[in-house]
PDB file of N, CA and C in Angstrom:
ATOM      1  N   MET A   1     127.075  99.396  64.900  1.00  0.00           N
ATOM      2  CA  MET A   1     126.478 100.537  65.712  1.00  0.00           C
ATOM      3  C   MET A   1     127.584 100.031  67.197  1.00  0.00           C
ATOM      4  N   LYS A   2     128.098 101.393  67.742  1.00  0.00           N
ATOM      5  CA  LYS A   2     128.787 101.095  68.897  1.00  0.00           C
ATOM      6  C   LYS A   2     128.126 100.794  70.081  1.00  0.00           C
ATOM      7  N   ARG A   3     128.492  99.420  70.967  1.00  0.00           N
ATOM      8  CA  ARG A   3     127.632  99.203  72.201  1.00  0.00           C
ATOM      9  C   ARG A   3     127.967 100.301  73.280  1.00  0.00           C
ATOM     10  N   LEU A   4     126.939 100.780  73.949  1.00  0.00           N
ATOM     11  CA  LEU A   4     127.228 101.708  75.136  1.00  0.00           C
ATOM     12  C   LEU A   4     127.664 101.111  76.470  1.00  0.00           C
ATOM     13  N   HIS A   5     128.207 101.739  77.017  1.00  0.00           N
ATOM     14  CA  HIS A   5     128.552 101.366  78.362  1.00  0.00           C
ATOM     15  C   HIS A   5     127.558 101.514  79.351  1.00  0.00           C
ATOM     16  N   PRO A   6     127.218 100.421  80.287  1.00  0.00           N
ATOM     17  CA  PRO A   6     125.978 100.671  81.030  1.00  0.00           C
ATOM     18  C   PRO A   6     125.752 101.965  81.650  1.00  0.00           C
ATOM     19  N   THR A   7     126.861 102.764  82.100  1.00  0.00           N
ATOM     20  CA  THR A   7     126.526 104.024  82.680  1.00  0.00           C
ATOM     21  C   THR A   7     126.025 105.070  81.681  1.00  0.00           C
ATOM     22  N   ASP A   8     126.374 104.708  80.537  1.00  0.00           N
ATOM     23  CA  ASP A   8     125.836 105.755  79.568  1.00  0.00           C
ATOM     24  C   ASP A   8     124.555 105.395  79.098  1.00  0.00           C
ATOM     25  N   ARG A   9     123.928 104.199  79.030  1.00  0.00           N
ATOM     26  CA  ARG A   9     122.683 103.492  78.443  1.00  0.00           C
ATOM     27  C   ARG A   9     121.484 104.022  79.459  1.00  0.00           C
ATOM     28  N   LYS A  10     121.620 103.795  80.543  1.00  0.00           N
ATOM     29  CA  LYS A  10     120.631 104.239  81.471  1.00  0.00           C
ATOM     30  C   LYS A  10     120.078 105.669  81.301  1.00  0.00           C
ATOM     31  N   PRO A  11     120.973 106.755  81.384  1.00  0.00           N
ATOM     32  CA  PRO A  11     120.411 108.245  81.298  1.00  0.00           C
ATOM     33  C   PRO A  11     119.887 108.326  79.926  1.00  0.00           C
ATOM     34  N   LEU A  12     120.316 107.596  78.678  1.00  0.00           N
ATOM     35  CA  LEU A  12     119.719 107.798  77.568  1.00  0.00           C
ATOM     36  C   LEU A  12     118.285 107.082  77.415  1.00  0.00           C
ATOM     37  N   LEU A  13     118.035 106.055  78.470  1.00  0.00           N
ATOM     38  CA  LEU A  13     116.747 105.227  78.324  1.00  0.00           C
ATOM     39  C   LEU A  13     115.800 106.191  79.304  1.00  0.00           C
ATOM     40  N   VAL A  14     116.155 106.910  80.113  1.00  0.00           N
ATOM     41  CA  VAL A  14     115.491 107.798  81.041  1.00  0.00           C
ATOM     42  C   VAL A  14     115.174 108.979  80.205  1.00  0.00           C
ATOM     43  N   ASP A  15     116.025 109.618  79.280  1.00  0.00           N
ATOM     44  CA  ASP A  15     115.561 110.664  78.445  1.00  0.00           C
ATOM     45  C   ASP A  15     114.427 110.266  77.318  1.00  0.00           C
ATOM     46  N   ALA A  16     114.747 108.790  76.993  1.00  0.00           N
ATOM     47  CA  ALA A  16     113.465 108.285  76.175  1.00  0.00           C
ATOM     48  C   ALA A  16     112.086 107.789  76.665  1.00  0.00           C
ATOM     49  N   ALA A  17     112.098 107.617  78.148  1.00  0.00           N
ATOM     50  CA  ALA A  17     111.136 107.306  78.870  1.00  0.00           C
ATOM     51  C   ALA A  17     110.522 108.665  79.079  1.00  0.00           C
ATOM     52  N   LEU A  18     111.059 109.840  79.093  1.00  0.00           N
ATOM     53  CA  LEU A  18     110.436 111.011  79.616  1.00  0.00           C
ATOM     54  C   LEU A  18     109.547 111.553  77.837  1.00  0.00           C
ATOM     55  N   ASN A  19     110.693 111.401  77.046  1.00  0.00           N
ATOM     56  CA  ASN A  19     109.921 111.560  75.780  1.00  0.00           C
ATOM     57  C   ASN A  19     108.714 110.685  75.454  1.00  0.00           C
ATOM     58  N   ALA A  20     108.944 109.534  75.679  1.00  0.00           N
ATOM     59  CA  ALA A  20     107.601 108.739  75.686  1.00  0.00           C
ATOM     60  C   ALA A  20     106.386 109.062  76.572  1.00  0.00           C
ATOM     61  N   ALA A  21     106.686 109.629  77.621  1.00  0.00           N
ATOM     62  CA  ALA A  21     105.668 110.006  78.658  1.00  0.00           C
ATOM     63  C   ALA A  21     105.019 111.145  77.966  1.00  0.00           C
ATOM     64  N   LEU A  22     105.769 112.057  77.772  1.00  0.00           N
ATOM     65  CA  LEU A  22     105.263 113.366  76.977  1.00  0.00           C
ATOM     66  C   LEU A  22     104.510 113.245  75.685  1.00  0.00           C
ATOM     67  N   ALA A  23     104.969 112.135  74.786  1.00  0.00           N
ATOM     68  CA  ALA A  23     104.050 111.725  73.764  1.00  0.00           C
ATOM     69  C   ALA A  23     102.934 110.925  73.832  1.00  0.00           C
ATOM     70  N   HIS A  24     103.061 110.031  74.790  1.00  0.00           N
ATOM     71  CA  HIS A  24     101.954 108.888  74.901  1.00  0.00           C
ATOM     72  C   HIS A  24     101.086 109.036  76.390  1.00  0.00           C
ATOM     73  N   GLY A  25     101.698 109.989  77.177  1.00  0.00           N
ATOM     74  CA  GLY A  25     100.993 110.213  78.394  1.00  0.00           C
ATOM     75  C   GLY A  25     101.712 109.136  79.527  1.00  0.00           C
ATOM     76  N   TYR A  26     102.014 110.087  80.853  1.00  0.00           N
ATOM     77  CA  TYR A  26     102.529 109.417  81.800  1.00  0.00           C
ATOM     78  C   TYR A  26     102.023 107.829  82.120  1.00  0.00           C
ATOM     79  N   ARG A  27     100.840 107.743  82.307  1.00  0.00           N
ATOM     80  CA  ARG A  27     100.198 106.310  82.765  1.00  0.00           C
ATOM     81  C   ARG A  27     100.037 105.729  81.428  1.00  0.00           C
ATOM     82  N   ARG A  28     100.255 106.159  80.074  1.00  0.00           N
ATOM     83  CA  ARG A  28      99.916 105.269  78.873  1.00  0.00           C
ATOM     84  C   ARG A  28     101.093 104.602  78.472  1.00  0.00           C
ATOM     85  N   MET A  29     102.667 105.304  78.939  1.00  0.00           N
ATOM     86  CA  MET A  29     103.588 104.945  78.121  1.00  0.00           C
ATOM     87  C   MET A  29     103.848 103.495  78.401  1.00  0.00           C
ATOM     88  N   THR A  30     104.147 102.890  77.600  1.00  0.00           N
ATOM     89  CA  THR A  30     104.808 101.308  77.810  1.00  0.00           C
ATOM     90  C   THR A  30     106.505 101.292  77.445  1.00  0.00           C
ATOM     91  N   ARG A  31     106.760 100.176  77.708  1.00  0.00           N
ATOM     92  CA  ARG A  31     108.163  99.451  77.491  1.00  0.00           C
ATOM     93  C   ARG A  31     108.384  99.837  75.942  1.00  0.00           C
ATOM     94  N   ASP A  32     107.320  99.330  75.069  1.00  0.00           N
ATOM     95  CA  ASP A  32     107.689  99.369  73.624  1.00  0.00           C
ATOM     96  C   ASP A  32     107.512 100.703  73.144  1.00  0.00           C
ATOM     97  N   HIS A  33     106.670 101.625  73.628  1.00  0.00           N
ATOM     98  CA  HIS A  33     106.854 103.162  73.360  1.00  0.00           C
ATOM     99  C   HIS A  33     108.468 103.802  73.709  1.00  0.00           C
ATOM    100  N   ILE A  34     108.774 103.315  75.062  1.00  0.00           N
ATOM    101  CA  ILE A  34     110.298 103.907  75.213  1.00  0.00           C
ATOM    102  C   ILE A  34     111.268 103.079  74.517  1.00  0.00           C
ATOM    103  N   ALA A  35     111.206 102.085  74.178  1.00  0.00           N
ATOM    104  CA  ALA A  35     112.140 101.283  73.204  1.00  0.00           C
ATOM    105  C   ALA A  35     112.287 101.972  72.087  1.00  0.00           C
ATOM    106  N   ALA A  36     111.053 102.249  71.560  1.00  0.00           N
ATOM    107  CA  ALA A  36     110.942 102.950  70.200  1.00  0.00           C
ATOM    108  C   ALA A  36     111.545 104.324  69.992  1.00  0.00           C
ATOM    109  N   HIS A  37     111.390 104.997  71.221  1.00  0.00           N
ATOM    110  CA  HIS A  37     112.120 106.169  71.202  1.00  0.00           C
ATOM    111  C   HIS A  37     113.656 106.275  71.291  1.00  0.00           C
ATOM    112  N   ALA A  38     114.080 105.096  71.951  1.00  0.00           N
ATOM    113  CA  ALA A  38     115.448 104.897  72.168  1.00  0.00           C
ATOM    114  C   ALA A  38     116.080 104.282  71.147  1.00  0.00           C
ATOM    115  N   SER A  39     115.260 103.315  70.421  1.00  0.00           N
ATOM    116  CA  SER A  39     115.869 102.807  69.286  1.00  0.00           C
ATOM    117  C   SER A  39     116.387 101.490  69.789  1.00  0.00           C
ATOM    118  N   VAL A  40     115.990 100.760  70.881  1.00  0.00           N
ATOM    119  CA  VAL A  40     116.334  99.453  71.316  1.00  0.00           C
ATOM    120  C   VAL A  40     115.194  98.651  71.563  1.00  0.00           C
ATOM    121  N   SER A  41     115.639  97.433  72.349  1.00  0.00           N
ATOM    122  CA  SER A  41     114.586  96.319  72.314  1.00  0.00           C
ATOM    123  C   SER A  41     113.658  96.568  73.859  1.00  0.00           C
ATOM    124  N   PRO A  42     112.468  96.133  73.829  1.00  0.00           N
ATOM    125  CA  PRO A  42     111.821  96.473  75.192  1.00  0.00           C
ATOM    126  C   PRO A  42     112.489  95.728  76.396  1.00  0.00           C
ATOM    127  N   GLY A  43     113.084  94.632  76.009  1.00  0.00           N
ATOM    128  CA  GLY A  43     113.759  93.954  77.135  1.00  0.00           C
ATOM    129  C   GLY A  43     115.117  94.719  77.613  1.00  0.00           C
ATOM    130  N   LEU A  44     115.677  95.620  76.819  1.00  0.00           N
ATOM    131  CA  LEU A  44     116.499  96.183  77.326  1.00  0.00           C
ATOM    132  C   LEU A  44     116.159  97.436  78.449  1.00  0.00           C
ATOM    133  N   VAL A  45     114.933  97.965  77.807  1.00  0.00           N
ATOM    134  CA  VAL A  45     114.384  98.670  78.913  1.00  0.00           C
ATOM    135  C   VAL A  45     114.131  98.420  80.009  1.00  0.00           C
ATOM    136  N   SER A  46     113.532  96.934  80.129  1.00  0.00           N
ATOM    137  CA  SER A  46     113.334  96.207  81.413  1.00  0.00           C
ATOM    138  C   SER A  46     114.608  96.114  82.313  1.00  0.00           C
ATOM    139  N   LEU A  47     115.534  95.789  81.646  1.00  0.00           N
ATOM    140  CA  LEU A  47     116.718  95.395  82.155  1.00  0.00           C
ATOM    141  C   LEU A  47     117.534  96.634  82.817  1.00  0.00           C
ATOM    142  N   TYR A  48     117.488  97.863  82.409  1.00  0.00           N
ATOM    143  CA  TYR A  48     117.786  99.297  82.728  1.00  0.00           C
ATOM    144  C   TYR A  48     116.776  99.871  83.905  1.00  0.00           C
ATOM    145  N   LEU A  49     115.663  99.720  83.300  1.00  0.00           N
ATOM    146  CA  LEU A  49     114.618 100.623  84.103  1.00  0.00           C
ATOM    147  C   LEU A  49     113.543  99.787  85.065  1.00  0.00           C
ATOM    148  N   GLY A  50     113.592  98.248  85.048  1.00  0.00           N
ATOM    149  CA  GLY A  50     112.930  97.544  85.816  1.00  0.00           C
ATOM    150  C   GLY A  50     111.479  97.469  85.763  1.00  0.00           C
ATOM    151  N   THR A  51     110.531  96.983  86.615  1.00  0.00           N
ATOM    152  CA  THR A  51     109.191  96.950  86.490  1.00  0.00           C
ATOM    153  C   THR A  51     108.724  98.314  86.007  1.00  0.00           C
ATOM    154  N   MET A  52     107.362  98.389  85.613  1.00  0.00           N
ATOM    155  CA  MET A  52     106.752  99.460  85.376  1.00  0.00           C
ATOM    156  C   MET A  52     106.507 100.516  86.499  1.00  0.00           C
ATOM    157  N   VAL A  53     106.100  99.903  87.806  1.00  0.00           N
ATOM    158  CA  VAL A  53     106.130 100.627  88.918  1.00  0.00           C
ATOM    159  C   VAL A  53     107.441 101.569  89.090  1.00  0.00           C
ATOM    160  N   LYS A  54     108.378 100.790  89.141  1.00  0.00           N
ATOM    161  CA  LYS A  54     110.097 101.236  89.203  1.00  0.00           C
ATOM    162  C   LYS A  54     110.123 102.268  87.860  1.00  0.00           C
ATOM    163  N   LEU A  55     109.765 102.016  87.024  1.00  0.00           N
ATOM    164  CA  LEU A  55     110.128 102.794  85.823  1.00  0.00           C
ATOM    165  C   LEU A  55     109.539 104.063  85.896  1.00  0.00           C
ATOM    166  N   ARG A  56     108.206 104.180  86.221  1.00  0.00           N
ATOM    167  CA  ARG A  56     107.350 105.368  86.452  1.00  0.00           C
ATOM    168  C   ARG A  56     107.858 106.080  87.504  1.00  0.00           C
ATOM    169  N   ARG A  57     108.294 105.438  88.393  1.00  0.00           N
ATOM    170  CA  ARG A  57     109.078 106.378  89.850  1.00  0.00           C
ATOM    171  C   ARG A  57     110.182 107.031  89.186  1.00  0.00           C
ATOM    172  N   THR A  58     111.046 106.400  88.578  1.00  0.00           N
ATOM    173  CA  THR A  58     112.089 107.020  87.843  1.00  0.00           C
ATOM    174  C   THR A  58     111.612 108.178  86.868  1.00  0.00           C
ATOM    175  N   VAL A  59     110.702 107.879  86.155  1.00  0.00           N
ATOM    176  CA  VAL A  59     110.275 109.190  85.042  1.00  0.00           C
ATOM    177  C   VAL A  59     109.962 110.232  86.003  1.00  0.00           C
ATOM    178  N   MET A  60     108.720 109.990  87.111  1.00  0.00           N
ATOM    179  CA  MET A  60     108.430 110.805  87.558  1.00  0.00           C
ATOM    180  C   MET A  60     109.502 111.989  88.329  1.00  0.00           C
ATOM    181  N   ARG A  61     110.621 110.937  89.040  1.00  0.00           N
ATOM    182  CA  ARG A  61     111.620 111.740  89.614  1.00  0.00           C
ATOM    183  C   ARG A  61     112.410 112.754  88.865  1.00  0.00           C
ATOM    184  N   GLU A  62     112.471 112.182  87.374  1.00  0.00           N
ATOM    185  CA  GLU A  62     113.551 112.979  86.717  1.00  0.00           C
ATOM    186  C   GLU A  62     112.596 114.158  86.139  1.00  0.00           C
ATOM    187  N   ALA A  63     111.304 113.896  86.028  1.00  0.00           N
ATOM    188  CA  ALA A  63     110.652 115.169  85.640  1.00  0.00           C
ATOM    189  C   ALA A  63     110.599 116.141  86.452  1.00  0.00           C
ATOM    190  N   ILE A  64     110.358 115.775  87.735  1.00  0.00           N
ATOM    191  CA  ILE A  64     110.511 116.712  89.093  1.00  0.00           C
ATOM    192  C   ILE A  64     111.731 117.563  88.779  1.00  0.00           C
ATOM    193  N   LYS A  65     112.700 116.611  88.772  1.00  0.00           N
ATOM    194  CA  LYS A  65     114.278 117.264  88.632  1.00  0.00           C
ATOM    195  C   LYS A  65     114.372 118.183  87.630  1.00  0.00           C
ATOM    196  N   ARG A  66     113.679 117.810  86.461  1.00  0.00           N
ATOM    197  CA  ARG A  66     113.839 118.738  85.251  1.00  0.00           C
ATOM    198  C   ARG A  66     112.664 119.681  85.032  1.00  0.00           C
ATOM    199  N   GLY A  67     111.859 120.068  86.071  1.00  0.00           N
ATOM    200  CA  GLY A  67     110.978 120.748  86.120  1.00  0.00           C
ATOM    201  C   GLY A  67     109.663 120.600  84.767  1.00  0.00           C
ATOM    202  N   CYS A  68     109.490 119.329  84.612  1.00  0.00           N
ATOM    203  CA  CYS A  68     108.308 118.809  83.491  1.00  0.00           C
ATOM    204  C   CYS A  68     107.124 118.927  83.867  1.00  0.00           C
ATOM    205  N   ALA A  69     106.716 120.049  83.998  1.00  0.00           N
ATOM    206  CA  ALA A  69     105.168 120.274  84.672  1.00  0.00           C
ATOM    207  C   ALA A  69     103.919 119.511  83.996  1.00  0.00           C
ATOM    208  N   GLU A  70     104.195 119.242  82.234  1.00  0.00           N
ATOM    209  CA  GLU A  70     103.378 118.373  81.853  1.00  0.00           C
ATOM    210  C   GLU A  70     103.084 116.956  82.574  1.00  0.00           C
ATOM    211  N   ILE A  71     104.442 116.330  83.042  1.00  0.00           N
ATOM    212  CA  ILE A  71     104.258 115.165  83.650  1.00  0.00           C
ATOM    213  C   ILE A  71     103.969 115.150  84.822  1.00  0.00           C
ATOM    214  N   VAL A  72     104.344 116.186  85.531  1.00  0.00           N
ATOM    215  CA  VAL A  72     103.872 116.246  86.882  1.00  0.00           C
ATOM    216  C   VAL A  72     102.516 116.349  86.783  1.00  0.00           C
ATOM    217  N   ALA A  73     101.936 117.213  86.325  1.00  0.00           N
ATOM    218  CA  ALA A  73     100.359 117.298  86.141  1.00  0.00           C
ATOM    219  C   ALA A  73      99.625 116.053  86.129  1.00  0.00           C
ATOM    220  N   GLU A  74     100.316 115.114  85.040  1.00  0.00           N
ATOM    221  CA  GLU A  74      99.429 113.916  85.236  1.00  0.00           C
ATOM    222  C   GLU A  74      99.434 113.098  86.498  1.00  0.00           C
ATOM    223  N   GLY A  75     100.862 113.280  86.977  1.00  0.00           N
ATOM    224  CA  GLY A  75     101.095 112.518  88.308  1.00  0.00           C
ATOM    225  C   GLY A  75     100.300 112.873  89.304  1.00  0.00           C
ATOM    226  N   LEU A  76     100.134 114.331  89.364  1.00  0.00           N
ATOM    227  CA  LEU A  76      99.026 114.874  90.358  1.00  0.00           C
ATOM    228  C   LEU A  76      97.738 114.318  90.385  1.00  0.00           C
ATOM    229  N   ALA A  77      97.161 114.312  89.106  1.00  0.00           N
ATOM    230  CA  ALA A  77      96.081 113.766  88.701  1.00  0.00           C
ATOM    231  C   ALA A  77      95.540 112.344  89.234  1.00  0.00           C
ATOM    232  N   GLU A  78      96.616 111.708  88.898  1.00  0.00           N
ATOM    233  CA  GLU A  78      96.587 110.312  89.505  1.00  0.00           C
ATOM    234  C   GLU A  78      96.938 110.081  90.832  1.00  0.00           C
ATOM    235  N   ARG A  79      97.451 111.178  91.785  1.00  0.00           N
ATOM    236  CA  ARG A  79      97.799 110.962  93.187  1.00  0.00           C
ATOM    237  C   ARG A  79      99.110 110.003  93.077  1.00  0.00           C
ATOM    238  N   ASP A  80      99.943 110.278  92.353  1.00  0.00           N
ATOM    239  CA  ASP A  80     101.324 109.752  92.304  1.00  0.00           C
ATOM    240  C   ASP A  80     102.140 110.205  93.337  1.00  0.00           C
ATOM    241  N   PRO A  81     102.620 109.266  94.050  1.00  0.00           N
ATOM    242  CA  PRO A  81     103.279 109.661  95.512  1.00  0.00           C
ATOM    243  C   PRO A  81     104.281 110.758  95.225  1.00  0.00           C
ATOM    244  N   GLN A  82     105.129 110.306  94.183  1.00  0.00           N
ATOM    245  CA  GLN A  82     106.450 111.159  93.821  1.00  0.00           C
ATOM    246  C   GLN A  82     105.853 112.471  93.170  1.00  0.00           C
ATOM    247  N   ALA A  83     104.928 112.712  92.376  1.00  0.00           N
ATOM    248  CA  ALA A  83     104.350 113.965  92.074  1.00  0.00           C
ATOM    249  C   ALA A  83     103.860 114.902  93.220  1.00  0.00           C
ATOM    250  N   LEU A  84     103.165 114.042  94.112  1.00  0.00           N
ATOM    251  CA  LEU A  84     102.927 114.771  95.525  1.00  0.00           C
ATOM    252  C   LEU A  84     104.123 115.546  96.148  1.00  0.00           C
ATOM    253  N   LYS A  85     105.272 114.820  96.216  1.00  0.00           N
ATOM    254  CA  LYS A  85     106.276 115.565  96.725  1.00  0.00           C
ATOM    255  C   LYS A  85     106.985 116.409  95.857  1.00  0.00           C
ATOM    256  N   ALA A  86     106.817 116.621  94.998  1.00  0.00           N
ATOM    257  CA  ALA A  86     107.431 117.801  93.986  1.00  0.00           C
ATOM    258  C   ALA A  86     107.374 119.189  94.740  1.00  0.00           C
ATOM    259  N   PRO A  87     108.301 119.966  94.537  1.00  0.00           N
ATOM    260  CA  PRO A  87     108.402 121.271  95.059  1.00  0.00           C
ATOM    261  C   PRO A  87     106.990 122.183  94.752  1.00  0.00           C
ATOM    262  N   ASP A  88     106.484 122.896  95.910  1.00  0.00           N
ATOM    263  CA  ASP A  88     105.102 123.756  95.687  1.00  0.00           C
ATOM    264  C   ASP A  88     105.080 124.278  94.332  1.00  0.00           C
ATOM    265  N   ASP A  89     106.113 124.929  93.678  1.00  0.00           N
ATOM    266  CA  ASP A  89     106.186 125.984  92.804  1.00  0.00           C
ATOM    267  C   ASP A  89     105.760 125.064  91.371  1.00  0.00           C
ATOM    268  N   LEU A  90     106.486 123.914  91.316  1.00  0.00           N
ATOM    269  CA  LEU A  90     106.247 122.912  90.458  1.00  0.00           C
ATOM    270  C   LEU A  90     104.768 122.323  90.231  1.00  0.00           C
ATOM    271  N   LYS A  91     104.340 122.095  91.593  1.00  0.00           N
ATOM    272  CA  LYS A  91     102.903 121.512  91.723  1.00  0.00           C
ATOM    273  C   LYS A  91     102.037 122.690  91.245  1.00  0.00           C
ATOM    274  N   ASP A  92     102.318 123.808  91.590  1.00  0.00           N
ATOM    275  CA  ASP A  92     101.329 124.885  91.183  1.00  0.00           C
ATOM    276  C   ASP A  92     101.317 125.253  89.593  1.00  0.00           C
ATOM    277  N   LYS A  93     102.483 125.214  89.127  1.00  0.00           N
ATOM    278  CA  LYS A  93     102.792 125.161  87.536  1.00  0.00           C
ATOM    279  C   LYS A  93     101.608 124.234  86.814  1.00  0.00           C
ATOM    280  N   ALA A  94     102.228 122.719  87.627  1.00  0.00           N
ATOM    281  CA  ALA A  94     101.322 121.449  86.872  1.00  0.00           C
ATOM    282  C   ALA A  94      99.895 121.727  87.453  1.00  0.00           C
ATOM    283  N   ALA A  95      99.454 121.996  88.292  1.00  0.00           N
ATOM    284  CA  ALA A  95      97.858 122.244  88.643  1.00  0.00           C
ATOM    285  C   ALA A  95      97.368 123.186  87.713  1.00  0.00           C
ATOM    286  N   ARG A  96      97.950 124.028  87.266  1.00  0.00           N
ATOM    287  CA  ARG A  96      97.331 125.176  86.295  1.00  0.00           C
ATOM    288  C   ARG A  96      97.185 124.701  84.896  1.00  0.00           C
ATOM    289  N   LEU A  97      98.236 123.683  84.577  1.00  0.00           N
ATOM    290  CA  LEU A  97      97.878 122.872  83.374  1.00  0.00           C
ATOM    291  C   LEU A  97      96.601 121.914  83.524  1.00  0.00           C
ATOM    292  N   LEU A  98      96.595 121.365  84.755  1.00  0.00           N
ATOM    293  CA  LEU A  98      95.128 120.469  84.825  1.00  0.00           C
ATOM    294  C   LEU A  98      93.990 121.411  84.622  1.00  0.00           C
ATOM    295  N   THR A  99      94.053 122.619  85.162  1.00  0.00           N
ATOM    296  CA  THR A  99      92.899 123.556  85.202  1.00  0.00           C
ATOM    297  C   THR A  99      92.583 124.497  84.005  1.00  0.00           C
ATOM    298  N   ALA A 100      93.454 124.225  83.115  1.00  0.00           N
ATOM    299  CA  ALA A 100      93.352 125.454  81.840  1.00  0.00           C
ATOM    300  C   ALA A 100      92.343 124.702  80.917  1.00  0.00           C
ATOM    301  N   PRO A 101      91.787 125.584  80.110  1.00  0.00           N
ATOM    302  CA  PRO A 101      90.915 125.205  79.205  1.00  0.00           C
ATOM    303  C   PRO A 101      91.532 124.275  78.065  1.00  0.00           C
ATOM    304  N   SER A 102      90.872 123.238  77.631  1.00  0.00           N
ATOM    305  CA  SER A 102      91.300 122.639  76.573  1.00  0.00           C
ATOM    306  C   SER A 102      91.037 123.162  75.231  1.00  0.00           C
ATOM    307  N   ARG A 103      92.056 122.912  74.126  1.00  0.00           N
ATOM    308  CA  ARG A 103      92.062 123.491  72.967  1.00  0.00           C
ATOM    309  C   ARG A 103      91.287 122.675  72.103  1.00  0.00           C
TER     310      ARG A 103
END
């Protein structure tokens, strides 16, 4: 397998982290989940994305940038500082997800 350059690796890990947050929940995702989504070791996730606090901040910022209301909704429910800074239209969309009836 070809080794990726560090500048190419981080965006792939952020993508994997977003997928892990969608699959397992923003607050329930772990380094192991992210590593499994990226097919790398948990240590590599830590190396590139740092502590879980920093990792979650990165994921929330990226979710806001990409307009991922599902992740932002979880952040709003947890009063996540980054989610609270999201644009109003995205926060409104996320809030509707929180109040929608469960299936």
